[in-house]
Amino acid sequence: MRQPGYDRLRFPRLFAFGISALTTFGCAVGPNHKAPEIKTPEHFKDERTPSEKSFADLPWWEVHRDPTLFALIREATEGAYDLRIAMARVEIARQAHRAAVWALWPTLGVQAGVGDAIGTLDVPSVYPPQNLSGNFALGAGASWEPDVWGRLRRLAGAAKHEFQATDEDRRGVYIALVGDVAQLYFSLLSLDLQKDFAQQARVAREETLHLFEARSGGGVSNELEVSRARASLKQVEASLTVIGLGIGTTENALSYLLARLPSPIKRGVSLDALQFLPSIPSGLPSTLLRRRPDVRSAEKILLAQNDKIGAELADFFPKFQLTGYLGVATPNLKDASFVRGGVGLLNWTLPFLGGERTRAEYAAAKAAWEGSVVAYERAVGNAFREVANSLIAVSMLGERRTALDAQLAAASDAERHALERYRGGVADYLDVLTAQEQKLAVQLEVAEVMGRQHSAVAQLYRALGGGWPLPDEDKDDDKSNKKK
């Protein structure tokens, strides 16, 4: 039995065909994306030997050639806290993109009810609900919003670019993780070398103190020399405690990156046995913008904000919605009656009656886009700053290492001459102590600079976006933002 009023609610086929045509050939309103103009220099600041090739093209296991460091980085990239959090964020964004894409398709629903009062049968966001009563009801409904103005396509595009941005953030976490593990490992090796130098100095100071104590007991030496020798020994022991503190905290920091509880860290070769790459070319500055994940992420956010402007602009136009419902409601099986739902055609907030909210949301989307432009420019500026800092660090630390090597050679000669003069009775032991203290200070500084050199190379590799191949250009980015 037909429900009263069904003929009045029947959706004309011609109008349905017109809406379908509008959807097929409709336009996506809003601005087309235009990337900000960024002027890149011909070569990086402080780069000594410009080259088109970049050592960032190398995988990290060819840059950091210590097998022990290789194993630590591998462990970190398989279970680090920050990387797992980043992967979860990527999955959240992926599902948000899927949800935005499915919004373009019709929605189907099924409802059933049993009881003395069936109440309200409703397909969500379809049309005013149908009030029924009886003991049994069963029906199915469908709803579809034709994307005439491209609002849903813009929202799907924004979700896609936000998903891509989170994936770039994940890559950034990966690259940062590789760099951080390498830097902490080199710091640990540097502290180990400092500890070796200090232990050698302690052995020498202990032997000297025992000698002076024996000479003082025989009346050859005096208490002043014994006191000075003992003070020198305690100074070295104090240095060892500071170095031990540094080793412990560095091991704990590295354990945290490896997602371990604080534990000892295995070492491989010593710091002075590690070899630098024969050359460290930086590549072209133009490739930096394509390689750095933070720059690419900022660009994707810029694309997403551009799509959101289009989505907000589409809200100024009417929304068309096609709905339908078919079912049965009955107090008993003999008197079953069909229920056929109505059709929602138009939903439009008039600009002059309640449209201020729409205008405010559109203005907010434009402001968010302007902010994302600045964020993109900031990411580019920060990328060039980090590369320049790393280049000058590699260069200056190399020069400092050369000067310290010469200084260490001179300090070793001074210590040898002081001992010879003391044994010949020409100088007192104060000259020997002074020469030994100067030599130890230079040794500790050499070990520190050696660690900083390797860390600077790791930082340059990270600043250049090393660790990932150059990603392919997204050929469909511009297409998704053009009017159709």
Protein backbone atom coordinates (compact mmCIF):
# COMPACT_ATOMS: atom_id res chain seq x y z
CA MET A 1 0.00 0.00 0.00
CA ARG A 2 1.40 3.39 -0.96
CA GLN A 3 1.88 5.95 1.73
CA PRO A 4 -0.14 9.18 1.27
CA GLY A 5 1.86 11.95 -0.29
CA TYR A 6 4.36 9.72 -2.06
CA ASP A 7 3.56 11.18 -5.47
CA ARG A 8 4.32 14.65 -4.18
CA LEU A 9 7.72 13.51 -2.96
CA ARG A 10 8.76 11.66 -6.09
CA PHE A 11 12.06 12.97 -7.43
CA PRO A 12 11.82 14.02 -11.12
CA ARG A 13 14.22 12.08 -13.32
CA LEU A 14 15.04 15.11 -15.38
CA PHE A 15 16.18 17.04 -12.30
CA ALA A 16 18.27 14.06 -11.18
CA PHE A 17 19.91 13.95 -14.59
CA GLY A 18 20.66 17.67 -14.33
CA ILE A 19 22.29 17.32 -10.92
CA SER A 20 24.35 14.38 -12.19
CA ALA A 21 25.53 16.45 -15.13
CA LEU A 22 26.46 19.33 -12.82
CA THR A 23 28.51 16.94 -10.71
CA THR A 24 30.28 15.47 -13.69
CA PHE A 25 31.09 18.74 -15.37
CA GLY A 26 31.06 20.97 -12.29
CA CYS A 27 33.99 23.14 -11.31
CA ALA A 28 36.13 23.10 -8.19
CA VAL A 29 35.94 26.70 -7.02
CA GLY A 30 38.87 28.32 -5.30
CA PRO A 31 42.37 29.50 -6.16
CA ASN A 32 44.89 27.40 -8.05
CA HIS A 33 48.04 26.63 -6.13
CA LYS A 34 51.07 28.76 -6.89
CA ALA A 35 54.27 27.92 -5.05
CA PRO A 36 56.08 30.87 -3.42
CA GLU A 37 59.10 32.04 -5.38
CA ILE A 38 62.28 31.02 -3.60
CA LYS A 39 65.58 32.26 -4.96
CA THR A 40 68.27 29.67 -4.40
CA PRO A 41 71.99 30.56 -4.57
CA GLU A 42 74.31 28.95 -7.08
CA HIS A 43 76.29 27.32 -4.28
CA PHE A 44 76.12 27.01 -0.52
CA LYS A 45 77.72 29.62 1.71
CA ASP A 46 81.18 28.59 2.98
CA GLU A 47 81.36 25.70 0.52
CA ARG A 48 84.99 25.20 -0.50
CA THR A 49 84.51 22.93 -3.54
CA PRO A 50 81.05 23.29 -5.15
CA SER A 51 79.84 20.15 -6.91
CA GLU A 52 76.68 18.92 -8.58
CA LYS A 53 76.96 15.63 -6.71
CA SER A 54 76.14 15.38 -3.03
CA PHE A 55 77.35 12.90 -0.46
CA ALA A 56 73.76 13.02 0.84
CA ASP A 57 72.96 10.68 -2.06
CA LEU A 58 74.90 7.97 -0.23
CA PRO A 59 73.02 5.66 2.15
CA TRP A 60 73.98 6.25 5.76
CA TRP A 61 75.80 2.90 6.02
CA GLU A 62 78.31 4.18 3.44
CA VAL A 63 78.76 7.50 5.23
CA HIS A 64 79.18 5.99 8.71
CA ARG A 65 81.42 3.01 8.04
CA ASP A 66 81.71 1.63 11.56
CA PRO A 67 79.86 -1.75 11.74
CA THR A 68 78.99 -1.13 15.39
CA LEU A 69 77.44 2.24 14.55
CA PHE A 70 75.62 0.54 11.67
CA ALA A 71 74.03 -1.91 14.11
CA LEU A 72 73.04 0.87 16.53
CA ILE A 73 71.37 2.93 13.79
CA ARG A 74 69.56 -0.14 12.52
CA GLU A 75 68.27 -0.86 16.03
CA ALA A 76 67.13 2.74 16.44
CA THR A 77 65.26 2.84 13.12
CA GLU A 78 63.39 -0.32 14.03
CA GLY A 79 62.06 0.71 17.42
CA ALA A 80 62.74 4.34 18.38
CA TYR A 81 59.94 6.04 20.28
CA ASP A 82 59.74 9.13 18.08
CA LEU A 83 59.72 7.10 14.88
CA ARG A 84 56.88 4.88 16.10
CA ILE A 85 54.87 7.94 17.11
CA ALA A 86 55.50 9.47 13.66
CA MET A 87 54.32 6.27 11.99
CA ALA A 88 51.11 6.34 14.04
CA ARG A 89 50.51 9.94 12.94
CA VAL A 90 50.97 8.89 9.31
CA GLU A 91 48.35 6.18 9.74
CA ILE A 92 45.92 8.66 11.32
CA ALA A 93 46.36 11.02 8.38
CA ARG A 94 46.03 8.14 5.91
CA GLN A 95 42.67 7.13 7.35
CA ALA A 96 41.50 10.76 7.42
CA HIS A 97 42.28 10.94 3.71
CA ARG A 98 40.32 7.73 3.07
CA ALA A 99 37.35 9.15 4.96
CA ALA A 100 37.48 12.37 2.91
CA VAL A 101 37.55 10.40 -0.35
CA TRP A 102 34.60 8.22 0.67
CA ALA A 103 32.58 11.37 1.38
CA LEU A 104 32.31 11.73 -2.42
CA TRP A 105 30.30 8.48 -2.64
CA PRO A 106 26.66 7.78 -1.70
CA THR A 107 25.89 6.69 1.85
CA LEU A 108 23.76 3.58 2.36
CA GLY A 109 22.08 2.62 5.64
CA VAL A 110 19.75 -0.04 7.04
CA GLN A 111 17.37 0.35 10.00
CA ALA A 112 15.19 -2.09 11.91
CA GLY A 113 13.01 -1.83 15.00
CA VAL A 114 10.75 -4.02 17.12
CA GLY A 115 8.33 -2.82 19.83
CA ASP A 116 5.01 -1.28 20.65
CA ALA A 117 6.22 2.09 19.31
CA ILE A 118 8.64 2.05 16.46
CA GLY A 119 9.32 5.74 16.88
CA THR A 120 11.39 7.55 14.28
CA LEU A 121 13.00 6.02 11.22
CA ASP A 122 15.82 8.24 10.04
CA VAL A 123 18.65 8.05 7.56
CA PRO A 124 21.33 10.37 9.03
CA SER A 125 21.48 13.81 7.40
CA VAL A 126 19.06 12.74 4.66
CA TYR A 127 15.64 14.34 5.18
CA PRO A 128 13.14 15.02 7.98
CA PRO A 129 12.54 11.70 9.79
CA GLN A 130 9.47 9.57 9.13
CA ASN A 131 7.43 8.99 12.32
CA LEU A 132 5.87 5.52 12.46
CA SER A 133 4.22 3.26 15.00
CA GLY A 134 3.78 -0.48 15.09
CA ASN A 135 5.51 -3.61 16.24
CA PHE A 136 7.98 -4.07 13.39
CA ALA A 137 9.84 -1.85 10.91
CA LEU A 138 12.61 -2.54 8.42
CA GLY A 139 14.04 -0.23 5.79
CA ALA A 140 17.03 1.00 3.85
CA GLY A 141 18.04 4.53 2.90
CA ALA A 142 20.58 6.27 0.73
CA SER A 143 22.08 9.75 0.69
CA TRP A 144 24.38 11.51 -1.77
CA GLU A 145 25.70 15.02 -2.02
CA PRO A 146 26.67 15.81 -5.63
CA ASP A 147 29.95 17.69 -5.47
CA VAL A 148 28.82 20.45 -7.82
CA TRP A 149 31.21 23.13 -6.58
CA GLY A 150 34.11 20.86 -5.71
CA ARG A 151 33.84 21.29 -1.93
CA LEU A 152 34.26 17.60 -1.18
CA ARG A 153 37.05 17.25 -3.74
CA ARG A 154 38.86 20.16 -2.13
CA LEU A 155 38.51 18.58 1.31
CA ALA A 156 39.78 15.27 -0.05
CA GLY A 157 42.73 17.08 -1.63
CA ALA A 158 43.51 18.85 1.64
CA ALA A 159 43.41 15.53 3.50
CA LYS A 160 45.70 13.99 0.89
CA HIS A 161 48.30 16.76 1.25
CA GLU A 162 48.12 16.60 5.06
CA PHE A 163 48.72 12.86 4.84
CA GLN A 164 51.73 13.49 2.59
CA ALA A 165 53.00 16.12 5.03
CA THR A 166 52.87 13.66 7.93
CA ASP A 167 54.74 11.13 5.81
CA GLU A 168 57.44 13.73 5.14
CA ASP A 169 57.55 14.41 8.88
CA ARG A 170 58.14 10.69 9.41
CA ARG A 171 61.05 10.84 6.98
CA GLY A 172 62.38 13.84 8.87
CA VAL A 173 62.23 11.90 12.14
CA TYR A 174 64.11 9.04 10.47
CA ILE A 175 66.88 11.32 9.18
CA ALA A 176 67.14 13.13 12.51
CA LEU A 177 67.32 9.80 14.31
CA VAL A 178 70.21 8.59 12.15
CA GLY A 179 72.06 11.86 12.75
CA ASP A 180 71.40 11.90 16.49
CA VAL A 181 72.58 8.31 16.98
CA ALA A 182 75.76 9.02 15.00
CA GLN A 183 76.48 12.23 16.90
CA LEU A 184 76.01 10.61 20.31
CA TYR A 185 78.13 7.64 19.26
CA PHE A 186 80.98 9.90 18.14
CA SER A 187 80.68 11.86 21.39
CA LEU A 188 81.00 8.57 23.25
CA LEU A 189 84.11 7.61 21.31
CA SER A 190 85.54 11.06 21.97
CA LEU A 191 84.98 10.64 25.70
CA ASP A 192 86.57 7.19 25.54
CA LEU A 193 89.68 8.69 23.95
CA GLN A 194 89.78 11.43 26.57
CA LYS A 195 89.52 8.75 29.24
CA ASP A 196 92.46 6.87 27.70
CA PHE A 197 94.61 10.01 27.72
CA ALA A 198 93.66 10.80 31.32
CA GLN A 199 94.37 7.25 32.48
CA GLN A 200 97.81 7.35 30.85
CA ALA A 201 98.47 10.65 32.63
CA ARG A 202 97.31 9.18 35.95
CA VAL A 203 99.73 6.26 35.64
CA ALA A 204 102.58 8.67 34.94
CA ARG A 205 101.60 10.91 37.89
CA GLU A 206 101.39 7.91 40.25
CA GLU A 207 104.87 6.76 39.27
CA THR A 208 106.22 10.26 39.82
CA LEU A 209 104.55 10.55 43.22
CA HIS A 210 105.99 7.21 44.37
CA LEU A 211 109.43 8.30 43.18
CA PHE A 212 109.23 11.61 45.02
CA GLU A 213 107.95 9.96 48.19
CA ALA A 214 110.92 7.55 48.08
CA ARG A 215 113.37 10.38 47.42
CA SER A 216 111.85 12.44 50.22
CA GLY A 217 112.26 9.52 52.63
CA GLY A 218 115.92 9.28 51.61
CA GLY A 219 116.43 13.00 52.11
CA VAL A 220 117.07 13.68 48.42
CA SER A 221 113.77 15.42 47.59
CA ASN A 222 111.67 17.86 49.60
CA GLU A 223 108.04 17.94 50.69
CA LEU A 224 107.19 20.74 48.24
CA GLU A 225 107.90 18.48 45.26
CA VAL A 226 105.91 15.66 46.86
CA SER A 227 102.91 17.97 47.44
CA ARG A 228 103.03 19.25 43.89
CA ALA A 229 103.16 15.71 42.49
CA ARG A 230 100.23 14.64 44.69
CA ALA A 231 98.16 17.68 43.60
CA SER A 232 98.87 16.93 39.97
CA LEU A 233 97.70 13.33 40.44
CA LYS A 234 94.45 14.44 42.12
CA GLN A 235 93.80 16.90 39.29
CA VAL A 236 93.95 14.04 36.77
CA GLU A 237 91.68 11.89 38.93
CA ALA A 238 89.18 14.76 39.11
CA SER A 239 89.23 14.99 35.30
CA LEU A 240 88.50 11.26 35.10
CA THR A 241 85.35 11.69 37.20
CA VAL A 242 84.07 14.41 34.86
CA ILE A 243 84.80 12.22 31.84
CA GLY A 244 83.07 9.27 33.53
CA LEU A 245 79.99 11.41 34.13
CA GLY A 246 79.94 12.37 30.46
CA ILE A 247 80.24 8.74 29.36
CA GLY A 248 77.38 7.66 31.62
CA THR A 249 74.95 10.36 30.53
CA THR A 250 75.84 9.90 26.84
CA GLU A 251 75.24 6.15 27.09
CA ASN A 252 71.87 6.84 28.72
CA ALA A 253 70.92 9.30 25.97
CA LEU A 254 71.89 6.80 23.30
CA SER A 255 69.96 4.04 25.06
CA TYR A 256 66.89 6.26 25.01
CA LEU A 257 67.19 6.74 21.23
CA LEU A 258 67.46 2.96 20.89
CA ALA A 259 64.27 2.55 22.98
CA ARG A 260 66.26 0.69 25.64
CA LEU A 261 66.43 1.12 29.36
CA PRO A 262 69.76 2.73 30.40
CA SER A 263 72.46 0.22 29.59
CA PRO A 264 76.11 0.08 28.43
CA ILE A 265 76.71 0.80 24.75
CA LYS A 266 78.98 -1.44 22.72
CA ARG A 267 81.84 0.32 20.92
CA GLY A 268 83.57 -0.59 17.70
CA VAL A 269 86.85 0.87 16.51
CA SER A 270 88.45 3.74 18.43
CA LEU A 271 87.88 7.31 17.34
CA ASP A 272 91.37 7.79 15.97
CA ALA A 273 90.91 4.70 13.77
CA LEU A 274 87.81 6.07 12.02
CA GLN A 275 88.38 7.42 8.54
CA PHE A 276 86.69 10.43 6.99
CA LEU A 277 85.18 10.32 3.50
CA PRO A 278 87.77 11.28 0.87
CA SER A 279 85.51 14.15 -0.23
CA ILE A 280 82.34 15.70 1.15
CA PRO A 281 80.52 17.43 -1.73
CA SER A 282 77.29 19.20 -0.81
CA GLY A 283 75.53 19.21 -4.18
CA LEU A 284 73.35 21.90 -5.74
CA PRO A 285 71.28 24.16 -3.47
CA SER A 286 68.25 23.63 -5.71
CA THR A 287 68.13 19.93 -4.81
CA LEU A 288 68.02 20.77 -1.10
CA LEU A 289 64.40 21.96 -1.36
CA ARG A 290 63.39 18.64 -2.92
CA ARG A 291 65.38 16.54 -0.47
CA ARG A 292 64.66 18.08 2.92
CA PRO A 293 61.57 16.45 4.49
CA ASP A 294 60.72 19.53 6.56
CA VAL A 295 60.64 21.73 3.44
CA ARG A 296 58.52 19.20 1.56
CA SER A 297 56.19 18.89 4.54
CA ALA A 298 55.75 22.66 4.68
CA GLU A 299 54.97 22.65 0.95
CA LYS A 300 52.31 19.94 1.41
CA ILE A 301 50.71 21.94 4.22
CA LEU A 302 50.66 24.93 1.88
CA LEU A 303 48.81 22.83 -0.72
CA ALA A 304 46.36 21.61 1.93
CA GLN A 305 45.58 25.14 3.07
CA ASN A 306 45.01 26.18 -0.54
CA ASP A 307 42.45 23.38 -0.92
CA LYS A 308 40.75 24.43 2.31
CA ILE A 309 40.26 27.92 0.89
CA GLY A 310 38.42 26.34 -2.05
CA ALA A 311 36.30 24.23 0.30
CA GLU A 312 35.32 27.28 2.35
CA LEU A 313 34.54 29.25 -0.81
CA ALA A 314 32.23 26.46 -1.98
CA ASP A 315 30.18 26.95 1.20
CA PHE A 316 28.90 30.23 -0.29
CA PHE A 317 27.03 28.19 -2.92
CA PRO A 318 24.01 25.92 -2.44
CA LYS A 319 24.54 22.30 -1.41
CA PHE A 320 22.49 19.73 -3.31
CA GLN A 321 21.57 16.49 -1.60
CA LEU A 322 19.79 13.45 -2.97
CA THR A 323 18.15 11.11 -0.47
CA GLY A 324 15.77 8.23 -0.49
CA TYR A 325 14.23 5.67 1.82
CA LEU A 326 12.38 2.40 1.21
CA GLY A 327 11.05 0.10 3.91
CA VAL A 328 8.13 -1.60 5.59
CA ALA A 329 6.32 -0.81 8.87
CA THR A 330 3.59 -3.04 10.33
CA PRO A 331 1.84 -3.87 13.59
CA ASN A 332 1.50 -7.44 12.23
CA LEU A 333 2.66 -9.36 9.20
CA LYS A 334 -0.79 -9.24 7.50
CA ASP A 335 -1.07 -5.43 7.48
CA ALA A 336 2.41 -4.53 6.30
CA SER A 337 2.73 -1.14 4.64
CA PHE A 338 5.57 0.28 2.58
CA VAL A 339 7.35 3.45 3.59
CA ARG A 340 9.03 5.51 0.90
CA GLY A 341 11.04 8.49 1.98
CA GLY A 342 11.33 11.99 0.61
CA VAL A 343 14.10 13.87 -1.13
CA GLY A 344 16.22 16.74 0.17
CA LEU A 345 17.14 19.03 -2.70
CA LEU A 346 18.83 22.18 -1.46
CA ASN A 347 20.68 23.46 1.57
CA TRP A 348 21.91 27.03 1.27
CA THR A 349 22.83 29.57 3.94
CA LEU A 350 22.06 32.89 2.29
CA PRO A 351 24.99 35.33 2.42
CA PHE A 352 22.84 38.12 3.85
CA LEU A 353 20.98 35.92 6.38
CA GLY A 354 23.38 34.05 8.64
CA GLY A 355 26.28 34.05 6.20
CA GLU A 356 28.73 35.84 8.51
CA ARG A 357 29.91 32.52 9.86
CA THR A 358 30.72 31.33 6.34
CA ARG A 359 32.57 34.55 5.57
CA ALA A 360 34.53 34.30 8.83
CA GLU A 361 35.54 30.69 8.09
CA TYR A 362 36.61 31.68 4.57
CA ALA A 363 38.70 34.57 5.94
CA ALA A 364 40.25 32.22 8.51
CA ALA A 365 41.20 29.76 5.75
CA LYS A 366 42.91 32.55 3.79
CA ALA A 367 44.80 33.65 6.92
CA ALA A 368 45.88 30.06 7.55
CA TRP A 369 47.20 29.88 3.97
CA GLU A 370 49.19 33.08 4.45
CA GLY A 371 50.65 31.63 7.64
CA SER A 372 51.61 28.43 5.81
CA VAL A 373 53.42 30.52 3.18
CA VAL A 374 55.55 32.07 5.92
CA ALA A 375 56.10 28.63 7.48
CA TYR A 376 57.32 27.33 4.11
CA GLU A 377 59.71 30.26 3.69
CA ARG A 378 60.96 29.72 7.24
CA ALA A 379 61.60 26.02 6.54
CA VAL A 380 63.62 26.93 3.44
CA GLY A 381 65.62 29.56 5.33
CA ASN A 382 66.31 27.15 8.17
CA ALA A 383 67.47 24.47 5.72
CA PHE A 384 70.08 26.77 4.16
CA ARG A 385 71.13 27.99 7.62
CA GLU A 386 71.74 24.46 8.89
CA VAL A 387 73.73 23.51 5.80
CA ALA A 388 75.86 26.67 6.07
CA ASN A 389 76.49 26.04 9.77
CA SER A 390 77.49 22.43 9.11
CA LEU A 391 79.80 23.40 6.24
CA ILE A 392 81.64 25.99 8.29
CA ALA A 393 81.82 23.59 11.25
CA VAL A 394 83.43 20.88 9.09
CA SER A 395 85.89 23.42 7.66
CA MET A 396 86.83 25.21 10.89
CA LEU A 397 87.10 22.03 12.93
CA GLY A 398 89.44 20.62 10.31
CA GLU A 399 91.68 23.67 10.61
CA ARG A 400 91.50 23.52 14.39
CA ARG A 401 92.46 19.86 14.35
CA THR A 402 95.53 20.68 12.25
CA ALA A 403 96.58 23.39 14.70
CA LEU A 404 95.98 21.14 17.71
CA ASP A 405 98.04 18.33 16.21
CA ALA A 406 100.94 20.75 15.87
CA GLN A 407 100.34 22.01 19.41
CA LEU A 408 100.28 18.45 20.77
CA ALA A 409 103.57 17.67 19.06
CA ALA A 410 105.12 20.79 20.63
CA ALA A 411 103.68 19.92 24.06
CA SER A 412 105.14 16.41 23.83
CA ASP A 413 108.56 17.88 22.97
CA ALA A 414 108.28 20.29 25.89
CA GLU A 415 107.51 17.44 28.27
CA ARG A 416 110.50 15.44 27.02
CA HIS A 417 112.88 18.42 27.35
CA ALA A 418 111.61 19.21 30.84
CA LEU A 419 112.27 15.65 31.99
CA GLU A 420 115.75 15.71 30.49
CA ARG A 421 116.55 19.01 32.21
CA TYR A 422 115.19 17.70 35.51
CA ARG A 423 117.29 14.53 35.32
CA GLY A 424 120.32 16.67 34.50
CA GLY A 425 119.68 18.87 37.52
CA VAL A 426 119.17 21.98 35.41
CA ALA A 427 115.43 22.47 36.24
CA ASP A 428 113.15 21.61 39.15
CA TYR A 429 110.14 19.39 38.89
CA LEU A 430 107.71 22.31 38.59
CA ASP A 431 108.78 22.62 34.95
CA VAL A 432 108.00 18.94 34.41
CA LEU A 433 104.55 19.22 36.03
CA THR A 434 103.70 22.28 33.97
CA ALA A 435 104.72 20.55 30.73
CA GLN A 436 102.72 17.43 31.61
CA GLU A 437 99.59 19.40 32.48
CA GLN A 438 99.80 21.35 29.22
CA LYS A 439 100.20 18.16 27.24
CA LEU A 440 97.18 16.52 28.91
CA ALA A 441 95.04 19.59 28.27
CA VAL A 442 95.94 19.50 24.56
CA GLN A 443 95.30 15.75 24.38
CA LEU A 444 91.81 16.16 25.85
CA GLU A 445 91.05 18.96 23.41
CA VAL A 446 92.30 16.91 20.45
CA ALA A 447 90.00 14.04 21.44
CA GLU A 448 87.06 16.45 21.78
CA VAL A 449 87.70 18.07 18.38
CA MET A 450 88.05 14.67 16.71
CA GLY A 451 84.60 13.72 17.99
CA ARG A 452 83.16 17.06 16.91
CA GLN A 453 84.63 16.58 13.42
CA HIS A 454 82.81 13.31 12.90
CA SER A 455 79.65 14.77 14.44
CA ALA A 456 79.85 17.77 12.10
CA VAL A 457 79.99 15.44 9.10
CA ALA A 458 76.94 13.60 10.47
CA GLN A 459 75.18 16.94 10.99
CA LEU A 460 75.97 18.05 7.43
CA TYR A 461 74.61 14.75 6.10
CA ARG A 462 71.46 15.33 8.12
CA ALA A 463 71.14 19.00 7.08
CA LEU A 464 71.34 18.01 3.41
CA GLY A 465 68.49 15.54 3.90
CA GLY A 466 70.75 12.51 3.53
CA GLY A 467 69.44 9.04 4.09
CA TRP A 468 66.62 9.08 1.55
CA PRO A 469 66.71 9.11 -2.27
CA LEU A 470 65.35 12.16 -4.01
CA PRO A 471 61.55 11.72 -4.04
CA ASP A 472 59.70 11.82 -7.33
CA GLU A 473 57.82 14.97 -8.13
CA ASP A 474 54.09 14.71 -7.38
CA LYS A 475 52.71 15.09 -10.86
CA ASP A 476 49.12 15.24 -9.77
CA ASP A 477 49.51 18.00 -7.19
CA ASP A 478 48.83 20.79 -9.64
CA LYS A 479 46.06 18.86 -11.38
CA SER A 480 44.15 18.44 -8.15
CA ASN A 481 44.16 22.19 -7.65
CA LYS A 482 43.13 23.23 -11.14
CA LYS A 483 39.58 23.99 -12.05
CA LYS A 484 37.82 21.19 -13.84
